[in-house]
PDB file of N, CA and C in Angstrom:
ATOM      1  N   UNK A   1      15.307  -4.501  12.527  1.00  0.00           N
ATOM      2  CA  UNK A   1      14.199  -4.845  11.711  1.00  0.00           C
ATOM      3  C   UNK A   1      14.575  -5.032  10.169  1.00  0.00           C
ATOM      4  N   UNK A   2      13.577  -6.041   9.621  1.00  0.00           N
ATOM      5  CA  UNK A   2      13.765  -6.786   8.544  1.00  0.00           C
ATOM      6  C   UNK A   2      13.029  -5.582   7.459  1.00  0.00           C
ATOM      7  N   UNK A   3      14.043  -5.653   6.137  1.00  0.00           N
ATOM      8  CA  UNK A   3      13.541  -4.673   5.169  1.00  0.00           C
ATOM      9  C   UNK A   3      12.286  -5.318   4.593  1.00  0.00           C
ATOM     10  N   UNK A   4      11.506  -4.472   4.427  1.00  0.00           N
ATOM     11  CA  UNK A   4       9.937  -4.860   3.686  1.00  0.00           C
ATOM     12  C   UNK A   4      10.048  -4.507   2.293  1.00  0.00           C
ATOM     13  N   UNK A   5       9.555  -5.669   1.431  1.00  0.00           N
ATOM     14  CA  UNK A   5       9.370  -5.884   0.221  1.00  0.00           C
ATOM     15  C   UNK A   5       8.162  -4.706  -0.325  1.00  0.00           C
ATOM     16  N   UNK A   6       8.163  -4.718  -1.643  1.00  0.00           N
ATOM     17  CA  UNK A   6       7.276  -3.784  -2.221  1.00  0.00           C
ATOM     18  C   UNK A   6       5.967  -4.242  -1.799  1.00  0.00           C
ATOM     19  N   UNK A   7       5.863  -5.338  -1.923  1.00  0.00           N
ATOM     20  CA  UNK A   7       4.292  -6.047  -1.537  1.00  0.00           C
ATOM     21  C   UNK A   7       3.906  -5.449  -0.049  1.00  0.00           C
ATOM     22  N   UNK A   8       4.845  -5.648   1.006  1.00  0.00           N
ATOM     23  CA  UNK A   8       4.648  -5.563   2.267  1.00  0.00           C
ATOM     24  C   UNK A   8       4.580  -3.715   2.313  1.00  0.00           C
ATOM     25  N   UNK A   9       5.471  -3.189   1.591  1.00  0.00           N
ATOM     26  CA  UNK A   9       5.165  -1.808   1.903  1.00  0.00           C
ATOM     27  C   UNK A   9       3.905  -1.199   1.069  1.00  0.00           C
ATOM     28  N   UNK A  10       3.492  -1.617   0.288  1.00  0.00           N
ATOM     29  CA  UNK A  10       2.004  -1.392  -0.247  1.00  0.00           C
ATOM     30  C   UNK A  10       0.735  -1.923   0.986  1.00  0.00           C
ATOM     31  N   UNK A  11       0.968  -3.142   1.358  1.00  0.00           N
ATOM     32  CA  UNK A  11      -0.128  -3.415   2.346  1.00  0.00           C
ATOM     33  C   UNK A  11       0.063  -2.818   3.736  1.00  0.00           C
ATOM     34  N   UNK A  12       1.365  -2.229   4.120  1.00  0.00           N
ATOM     35  CA  UNK A  12       1.289  -1.375   5.214  1.00  0.00           C
ATOM     36  C   UNK A  12       0.614  -0.343   5.054  1.00  0.00           C
ATOM     37  N   UNK A  13       0.945   0.298   4.214  1.00  0.00           N
ATOM     38  CA  UNK A  13       0.353   1.800   3.787  1.00  0.00           C
ATOM     39  C   UNK A  13      -0.954   1.473   3.871  1.00  0.00           C
ATOM     40  N   UNK A  14      -2.048   0.530   3.131  1.00  0.00           N
ATOM     41  CA  UNK A  14      -3.338  -0.059   3.517  1.00  0.00           C
ATOM     42  C   UNK A  14      -3.550  -0.020   4.822  1.00  0.00           C
ATOM     43  N   UNK A  15      -2.857  -1.020   5.748  1.00  0.00           N
ATOM     44  CA  UNK A  15      -2.938  -0.831   6.930  1.00  0.00           C
ATOM     45  C   UNK A  15      -2.958   0.421   7.638  1.00  0.00           C
ATOM     46  N   UNK A  16      -2.428   1.466   7.593  1.00  0.00           N
ATOM     47  CA  UNK A  16      -1.821   2.560   8.000  1.00  0.00           C
ATOM     48  C   UNK A  16      -3.273   3.449   7.535  1.00  0.00           C
ATOM     49  N   UNK A  17      -3.511   3.293   6.377  1.00  0.00           N
ATOM     50  CA  UNK A  17      -4.610   4.016   5.982  1.00  0.00           C
ATOM     51  C   UNK A  17      -5.758   3.895   6.406  1.00  0.00           C
ATOM     52  N   UNK A  18      -6.008   2.684   6.257  1.00  0.00           N
ATOM     53  CA  UNK A  18      -7.482   1.885   6.752  1.00  0.00           C
ATOM     54  C   UNK A  18      -7.809   2.186   8.044  1.00  0.00           C
ATOM     55  N   UNK A  19      -6.768   2.352   9.049  1.00  0.00           N
ATOM     56  CA  UNK A  19      -6.697   2.058  10.520  1.00  0.00           C
ATOM     57  C   UNK A  19      -6.421   3.418  11.119  1.00  0.00           C
ATOM     58  N   UNK A  20      -6.259   4.432  10.217  1.00  0.00           N
ATOM     59  CA  UNK A  20      -6.191   5.628  10.603  1.00  0.00           C
ATOM     60  C   UNK A  20      -5.235   5.940  11.728  1.00  0.00           C
ATOM     61  N   UNK A  21      -3.876   5.155  11.633  1.00  0.00           N
ATOM     62  CA  UNK A  21      -2.768   5.138  12.404  1.00  0.00           C
ATOM     63  C   UNK A  21      -1.971   6.363  11.883  1.00  0.00           C
ATOM     64  N   UNK A  22      -2.229   7.580  12.096  1.00  0.00           N
ATOM     65  CA  UNK A  22      -1.573   8.760  12.050  1.00  0.00           C
ATOM     66  C   UNK A  22      -0.144   8.820  12.523  1.00  0.00           C
ATOM     67  N   UNK A  23      -0.014   8.082  13.436  1.00  0.00           N
ATOM     68  CA  UNK A  23       1.189   8.289  14.333  1.00  0.00           C
ATOM     69  C   UNK A  23       2.491   7.484  13.519  1.00  0.00           C
ATOM     70  N   UNK A  24       2.119   6.098  12.881  1.00  0.00           N
ATOM     71  CA  UNK A  24       2.715   5.585  12.262  1.00  0.00           C
ATOM     72  C   UNK A  24       3.054   5.647  11.116  1.00  0.00           C
ATOM     73  N   UNK A  25       4.173   5.128  10.579  1.00  0.00           N
ATOM     74  CA  UNK A  25       4.438   5.757   8.872  1.00  0.00           C
ATOM     75  C   UNK A  25       4.753   3.870   8.536  1.00  0.00           C
ATOM     76  N   UNK A  26       4.259   3.522   7.273  1.00  0.00           N
ATOM     77  CA  UNK A  26       4.018   2.201   6.906  1.00  0.00           C
ATOM     78  C   UNK A  26       5.412   1.263   6.907  1.00  0.00           C
ATOM     79  N   UNK A  27       6.547   2.421   6.687  1.00  0.00           N
ATOM     80  CA  UNK A  27       7.682   1.603   6.801  1.00  0.00           C
ATOM     81  C   UNK A  27       8.219   1.100   8.053  1.00  0.00           C
ATOM     82  N   UNK A  28       7.528   1.873   9.339  1.00  0.00           N
ATOM     83  CA  UNK A  28       7.961   1.388  10.402  1.00  0.00           C
ATOM     84  C   UNK A  28       7.233   0.381  10.895  1.00  0.00           C
ATOM     85  N   UNK A  29       6.625  -0.711  10.071  1.00  0.00           N
ATOM     86  CA  UNK A  29       5.895  -1.510  10.803  1.00  0.00           C
ATOM     87  C   UNK A  29       6.829  -3.017  10.248  1.00  0.00           C
ATOM     88  N   UNK A  30       7.584  -3.601  11.155  1.00  0.00           N
ATOM     89  CA  UNK A  30       8.570  -4.458  10.896  1.00  0.00           C
ATOM     90  C   UNK A  30       7.539  -6.053  10.364  1.00  0.00           C
ATOM     91  N   UNK A  31       8.200  -6.342   9.424  1.00  0.00           N
ATOM     92  CA  UNK A  31       7.545  -7.433   8.785  1.00  0.00           C
ATOM     93  C   UNK A  31       7.446  -8.717   9.364  1.00  0.00           C
ATOM     94  N   UNK A  32       8.284  -8.802  10.480  1.00  0.00           N
ATOM     95  CA  UNK A  32       8.226  -9.901  11.537  1.00  0.00           C
ATOM     96  C   UNK A  32       7.425  -9.807  12.884  1.00  0.00           C
ATOM     97  N   UNK A  33       7.310  -8.573  12.668  1.00  0.00           N
ATOM     98  CA  UNK A  33       6.742  -8.351  14.396  1.00  0.00           C
ATOM     99  C   UNK A  33       5.115  -8.360  14.335  1.00  0.00           C
ATOM    100  N   UNK A  34       4.678  -9.150  15.504  1.00  0.00           N
ATOM    101  CA  UNK A  34       3.348  -9.357  15.605  1.00  0.00           C
ATOM    102  C   UNK A  34       2.378  -8.253  15.058  1.00  0.00           C
ATOM    103  N   UNK A  35       1.250  -8.668  14.568  1.00  0.00           N
ATOM    104  CA  UNK A  35       0.570  -7.552  14.113  1.00  0.00           C
ATOM    105  C   UNK A  35      -0.666  -7.347  15.480  1.00  0.00           C
ATOM    106  N   UNK A  36      -1.263  -8.158  15.954  1.00  0.00           N
ATOM    107  CA  UNK A  36      -1.776  -8.382  17.383  1.00  0.00           C
ATOM    108  C   UNK A  36      -1.156  -8.477  18.334  1.00  0.00           C
ATOM    109  N   UNK A  37      -1.614  -7.869  19.545  1.00  0.00           N
ATOM    110  CA  UNK A  37      -0.822  -7.938  20.987  1.00  0.00           C
ATOM    111  C   UNK A  37       0.650  -7.615  20.762  1.00  0.00           C
ATOM    112  N   UNK A  38       1.039  -7.079  20.056  1.00  0.00           N
ATOM    113  CA  UNK A  38       2.529  -6.598  19.971  1.00  0.00           C
ATOM    114  C   UNK A  38       2.701  -5.127  20.210  1.00  0.00           C
ATOM    115  N   UNK A  39       3.800  -4.391  19.105  1.00  0.00           N
ATOM    116  CA  UNK A  39       3.634  -2.937  19.442  1.00  0.00           C
ATOM    117  C   UNK A  39       2.544  -2.339  19.065  1.00  0.00           C
ATOM    118  N   UNK A  40       2.238  -2.566  18.146  1.00  0.00           N
ATOM    119  CA  UNK A  40       0.843  -1.780  17.150  1.00  0.00           C
ATOM    120  C   UNK A  40      -0.366  -1.728  17.827  1.00  0.00           C
ATOM    121  N   UNK A  41      -0.577  -2.525  18.794  1.00  0.00           N
ATOM    122  CA  UNK A  41      -1.815  -2.367  19.847  1.00  0.00           C
ATOM    123  C   UNK A  41      -3.019  -2.907  19.093  1.00  0.00           C
ATOM    124  N   UNK A  42      -2.948  -3.566  17.815  1.00  0.00           N
ATOM    125  CA  UNK A  42      -4.163  -3.898  17.132  1.00  0.00           C
ATOM    126  C   UNK A  42      -4.927  -5.219  17.963  1.00  0.00           C
ATOM    127  N   UNK A  43      -6.204  -4.711  17.668  1.00  0.00           N
ATOM    128  CA  UNK A  43      -7.310  -5.996  18.070  1.00  0.00           C
ATOM    129  C   UNK A  43      -8.249  -6.362  16.937  1.00  0.00           C
ATOM    130  N   UNK A  44      -9.175  -7.193  17.818  1.00  0.00           N
ATOM    131  CA  UNK A  44      -9.970  -8.012  16.523  1.00  0.00           C
ATOM    132  C   UNK A  44     -10.715  -7.221  15.541  1.00  0.00           C
ATOM    133  N   UNK A  45     -11.224  -5.905  16.379  1.00  0.00           N
ATOM    134  CA  UNK A  45     -11.998  -4.783  15.198  1.00  0.00           C
ATOM    135  C   UNK A  45     -10.762  -4.583  14.032  1.00  0.00           C
ATOM    136  N   UNK A  46      -9.657  -4.084  14.810  1.00  0.00           N
ATOM    137  CA  UNK A  46      -8.723  -3.563  13.378  1.00  0.00           C
ATOM    138  C   UNK A  46      -8.398  -5.019  12.380  1.00  0.00           C
ATOM    139  N   UNK A  47      -9.000  -6.157  12.725  1.00  0.00           N
ATOM    140  CA  UNK A  47      -8.347  -7.456  12.219  1.00  0.00           C
ATOM    141  C   UNK A  47      -9.785  -7.402  10.781  1.00  0.00           C
ATOM    142  N   UNK A  48     -10.747  -7.035  11.452  1.00  0.00           N
ATOM    143  CA  UNK A  48     -11.899  -6.982  10.520  1.00  0.00           C
ATOM    144  C   UNK A  48     -11.930  -5.765   9.341  1.00  0.00           C
ATOM    145  N   UNK A  49     -11.287  -4.513  10.263  1.00  0.00           N
ATOM    146  CA  UNK A  49     -10.838  -3.321   9.036  1.00  0.00           C
ATOM    147  C   UNK A  49      -9.868  -3.862   8.132  1.00  0.00           C
ATOM    148  N   UNK A  50      -9.032  -4.740   8.452  1.00  0.00           N
ATOM    149  CA  UNK A  50      -7.961  -4.670   7.367  1.00  0.00           C
ATOM    150  C   UNK A  50      -8.285  -5.931   6.641  1.00  0.00           C
ATOM    151  N   UNK A  51      -9.129  -6.689   6.880  1.00  0.00           N
ATOM    152  CA  UNK A  51      -9.847  -7.714   5.976  1.00  0.00           C
ATOM    153  C   UNK A  51     -10.588  -7.132   4.991  1.00  0.00           C
ATOM    154  N   UNK A  52     -11.541  -6.004   5.491  1.00  0.00           N
ATOM    155  CA  UNK A  52     -12.264  -5.303   4.427  1.00  0.00           C
ATOM    156  C   UNK A  52     -11.545  -4.567   3.589  1.00  0.00           C
ATOM    157  N   UNK A  53     -10.401  -3.779   4.110  1.00  0.00           N
ATOM    158  CA  UNK A  53      -9.486  -3.188   3.048  1.00  0.00           C
ATOM    159  C   UNK A  53      -8.839  -3.862   2.430  1.00  0.00           C
ATOM    160  N   UNK A  54      -8.608  -5.290   2.561  1.00  0.00           N
ATOM    161  CA  UNK A  54      -7.869  -6.149   1.803  1.00  0.00           C
ATOM    162  C   UNK A  54      -8.730  -6.618   0.798  1.00  0.00           C
ATOM    163  N   UNK A  55      -9.935  -6.872   0.908  1.00  0.00           N
ATOM    164  CA  UNK A  55     -10.932  -7.296  -0.091  1.00  0.00           C
ATOM    165  C   UNK A  55     -11.239  -6.487  -1.010  1.00  0.00           C
ATOM    166  N   UNK A  56     -11.444  -4.917  -0.821  1.00  0.00           N
ATOM    167  CA  UNK A  56     -11.551  -4.064  -1.737  1.00  0.00           C
ATOM    168  C   UNK A  56     -10.296  -3.801  -2.668  1.00  0.00           C
ATOM    169  N   UNK A  57      -9.110  -3.931  -1.987  1.00  0.00           N
ATOM    170  CA  UNK A  57      -7.855  -3.522  -2.685  1.00  0.00           C
ATOM    171  C   UNK A  57      -7.549  -4.765  -3.897  1.00  0.00           C
ATOM    172  N   UNK A  58      -7.556  -6.057  -3.239  1.00  0.00           N
ATOM    173  CA  UNK A  58      -6.772  -6.875  -3.778  1.00  0.00           C
ATOM    174  C   UNK A  58      -8.085  -8.116  -4.473  1.00  0.00           C
ATOM    175  N   UNK A  59      -9.232  -7.682  -3.951  1.00  0.00           N
ATOM    176  CA  UNK A  59     -10.387  -8.704  -4.804  1.00  0.00           C
ATOM    177  C   UNK A  59     -10.824  -9.953  -4.388  1.00  0.00           C
ATOM    178  N   UNK A  60     -10.355 -10.648  -3.017  1.00  0.00           N
ATOM    179  CA  UNK A  60     -10.611 -11.665  -2.397  1.00  0.00           C
ATOM    180  C   UNK A  60     -10.941 -11.321  -0.813  1.00  0.00           C
ATOM    181  N   UNK A  61     -11.821 -12.218  -0.359  1.00  0.00           N
ATOM    182  CA  UNK A  61     -11.971 -11.892   1.029  1.00  0.00           C
ATOM    183  C   UNK A  61     -11.230 -12.575   1.929  1.00  0.00           C
ATOM    184  N   UNK A  62     -10.993 -12.010   3.054  1.00  0.00           N
ATOM    185  CA  UNK A  62     -10.142 -12.667   4.329  1.00  0.00           C
ATOM    186  C   UNK A  62     -11.627 -13.018   4.975  1.00  0.00           C
ATOM    187  N   UNK A  63     -11.646 -14.383   5.124  1.00  0.00           N
ATOM    188  CA  UNK A  63     -12.970 -14.904   6.192  1.00  0.00           C
ATOM    189  C   UNK A  63     -12.705 -14.696   7.349  1.00  0.00           C
ATOM    190  N   UNK A  64     -13.784 -14.472   8.700  1.00  0.00           N
ATOM    191  CA  UNK A  64     -13.265 -14.486   9.933  1.00  0.00           C
ATOM    192  C   UNK A  64     -13.524 -16.176  10.323  1.00  0.00           C
ATOM    193  N   UNK A  65     -14.010 -17.070   9.497  1.00  0.00           N
ATOM    194  CA  UNK A  65     -14.004 -18.158   9.914  1.00  0.00           C
ATOM    195  C   UNK A  65     -12.953 -19.645   9.545  1.00  0.00           C
ATOM    196  N   UNK A  66     -11.540 -18.403   9.040  1.00  0.00           N
ATOM    197  CA  UNK A  66     -10.881 -19.422   7.997  1.00  0.00           C
ATOM    198  C   UNK A  66      -9.971 -19.860   9.401  1.00  0.00           C
ATOM    199  N   UNK A  67      -9.873 -21.012   9.416  1.00  0.00           N
ATOM    200  CA  UNK A  67      -8.843 -21.703  10.427  1.00  0.00           C
ATOM    201  C   UNK A  67      -7.695 -21.217  10.788  1.00  0.00           C
ATOM    202  N   UNK A  68      -7.009 -20.800   9.378  1.00  0.00           N
ATOM    203  CA  UNK A  68      -5.614 -20.506   9.334  1.00  0.00           C
ATOM    204  C   UNK A  68      -5.445 -18.634   9.770  1.00  0.00           C
ATOM    205  N   UNK A  69      -6.447 -18.027  10.167  1.00  0.00           N
ATOM    206  CA  UNK A  69      -6.372 -16.559  10.487  1.00  0.00           C
ATOM    207  C   UNK A  69      -5.477 -16.459  11.467  1.00  0.00           C
ATOM    208  N   UNK A  70      -4.923 -16.984  12.293  1.00  0.00           N
ATOM    209  CA  UNK A  70      -3.811 -16.845  13.358  1.00  0.00           C
ATOM    210  C   UNK A  70      -2.571 -16.792  12.579  1.00  0.00           C
ATOM    211  N   UNK A  71      -2.388 -17.465  11.554  1.00  0.00           N
ATOM    212  CA  UNK A  71      -1.212 -17.844  10.798  1.00  0.00           C
ATOM    213  C   UNK A  71      -1.194 -16.522   9.950  1.00  0.00           C
ATOM    214  N   UNK A  72      -2.440 -16.192   9.311  1.00  0.00           N
ATOM    215  CA  UNK A  72      -2.319 -15.184   8.213  1.00  0.00           C
ATOM    216  C   UNK A  72      -2.209 -14.021   8.741  1.00  0.00           C
ATOM    217  N   UNK A  73      -2.456 -13.729   9.836  1.00  0.00           N
ATOM    218  CA  UNK A  73      -2.602 -12.242  10.466  1.00  0.00           C
ATOM    219  C   UNK A  73      -1.212 -12.481  11.363  1.00  0.00           C
ATOM    220  N   UNK A  74      -0.223 -13.226  11.449  1.00  0.00           N
ATOM    221  CA  UNK A  74       0.476 -13.317  12.560  1.00  0.00           C
ATOM    222  C   UNK A  74       1.253 -12.048  12.591  1.00  0.00           C
ATOM    223  N   UNK A  75       1.959 -11.907  11.132  1.00  0.00           N
ATOM    224  CA  UNK A  75       2.796 -10.698  11.144  1.00  0.00           C
ATOM    225  C   UNK A  75       2.641  -9.978   9.595  1.00  0.00           C
ATOM    226  N   UNK A  76       3.148  -8.898   8.991  1.00  0.00           N
ATOM    227  CA  UNK A  76       2.937  -8.417   7.863  1.00  0.00           C
ATOM    228  C   UNK A  76       3.376  -9.125   6.827  1.00  0.00           C
ATOM    229  N   UNK A  77       4.553  -9.881   7.306  1.00  0.00           N
ATOM    230  CA  UNK A  77       5.166 -10.771   6.265  1.00  0.00           C
ATOM    231  C   UNK A  77       4.207 -12.140   5.688  1.00  0.00           C
ATOM    232  N   UNK A  78       3.992 -12.229   6.630  1.00  0.00           N
ATOM    233  CA  UNK A  78       2.479 -13.667   6.717  1.00  0.00           C
ATOM    234  C   UNK A  78       1.310 -13.297   5.648  1.00  0.00           C
ATOM    235  N   UNK A  79       0.621 -12.143   6.468  1.00  0.00           N
ATOM    236  CA  UNK A  79      -0.198 -11.526   5.374  1.00  0.00           C
ATOM    237  C   UNK A  79      -0.114 -11.193   4.119  1.00  0.00           C
ATOM    238  N   UNK A  80       1.217 -10.348   3.872  1.00  0.00           N
ATOM    239  CA  UNK A  80       1.524 -10.076   2.552  1.00  0.00           C
ATOM    240  C   UNK A  80       1.466 -11.007   1.735  1.00  0.00           C
ATOM    241  N   UNK A  81       2.089 -12.402   2.179  1.00  0.00           N
ATOM    242  CA  UNK A  81       2.531 -13.731   1.497  1.00  0.00           C
ATOM    243  C   UNK A  81       1.234 -14.043   1.294  1.00  0.00           C
ATOM    244  N   UNK A  82       0.012 -14.119   2.072  1.00  0.00           N
ATOM    245  CA  UNK A  82      -1.264 -14.834   1.703  1.00  0.00           C
ATOM    246  C   UNK A  82      -2.098 -13.595   0.724  1.00  0.00           C
ATOM    247  N   UNK A  83      -1.971 -12.505   0.880  1.00  0.00           N
ATOM    248  CA  UNK A  83      -2.474 -11.639  -0.216  1.00  0.00           C
ATOM    249  C   UNK A  83      -1.776 -12.049  -1.851  1.00  0.00           C
ATOM    250  N   UNK A  84      -0.372 -12.279  -1.544  1.00  0.00           N
ATOM    251  CA  UNK A  84       0.237 -12.391  -2.937  1.00  0.00           C
ATOM    252  C   UNK A  84      -0.062 -13.781  -3.541  1.00  0.00           C
ATOM    253  N   UNK A  85      -0.830 -14.768  -2.840  1.00  0.00           N
ATOM    254  CA  UNK A  85      -0.992 -16.107  -3.269  1.00  0.00           C
ATOM    255  C   UNK A  85      -2.488 -15.737  -3.672  1.00  0.00           C
ATOM    256  N   UNK A  86      -3.346 -14.955  -2.950  1.00  0.00           N
ATOM    257  CA  UNK A  86      -4.644 -15.243  -3.290  1.00  0.00           C
ATOM    258  C   UNK A  86      -5.189 -13.759  -4.066  1.00  0.00           C
ATOM    259  N   UNK A  87      -4.508 -13.119  -4.392  1.00  0.00           N
ATOM    260  CA  UNK A  87      -4.880 -11.584  -5.011  1.00  0.00           C
ATOM    261  C   UNK A  87      -5.467 -11.747  -6.388  1.00  0.00           C
ATOM    262  N   UNK A  88      -6.679 -11.235  -6.973  1.00  0.00           N
ATOM    263  CA  UNK A  88      -7.210 -11.445  -8.100  1.00  0.00           C
ATOM    264  C   UNK A  88      -6.343 -10.736  -8.967  1.00  0.00           C
ATOM    265  N   UNK A  89      -6.247 -11.379 -10.191  1.00  0.00           N
ATOM    266  CA  UNK A  89      -5.150 -10.717 -11.342  1.00  0.00           C
ATOM    267  C   UNK A  89      -6.018  -9.537 -11.564  1.00  0.00           C
ATOM    268  N   UNK A  90      -4.781  -8.510 -11.616  1.00  0.00           N
ATOM    269  CA  UNK A  90      -5.235  -7.198 -12.030  1.00  0.00           C
ATOM    270  C   UNK A  90      -4.945  -6.601 -13.502  1.00  0.00           C
TER     271      UNK A  90
END
């Protein structure tokens, strides 16, 4: 499993918290493993929950009609990269 960056760890913790994944520790999410259709068992409702949590935490919208969503939500690394590129200056 690839090592998580600090930004990926923070985002993984947000995912675990927002989806109430009590049996999963944030550091157990492989940055390169699929978020959906893989070991995590996440679905489209989970994607909406993640998008809402990201918008609250990072100050920008992940829109359901974005044609790049498949790439953005591919794995923790892609989602974290997208967040880092778009997050509001804190």
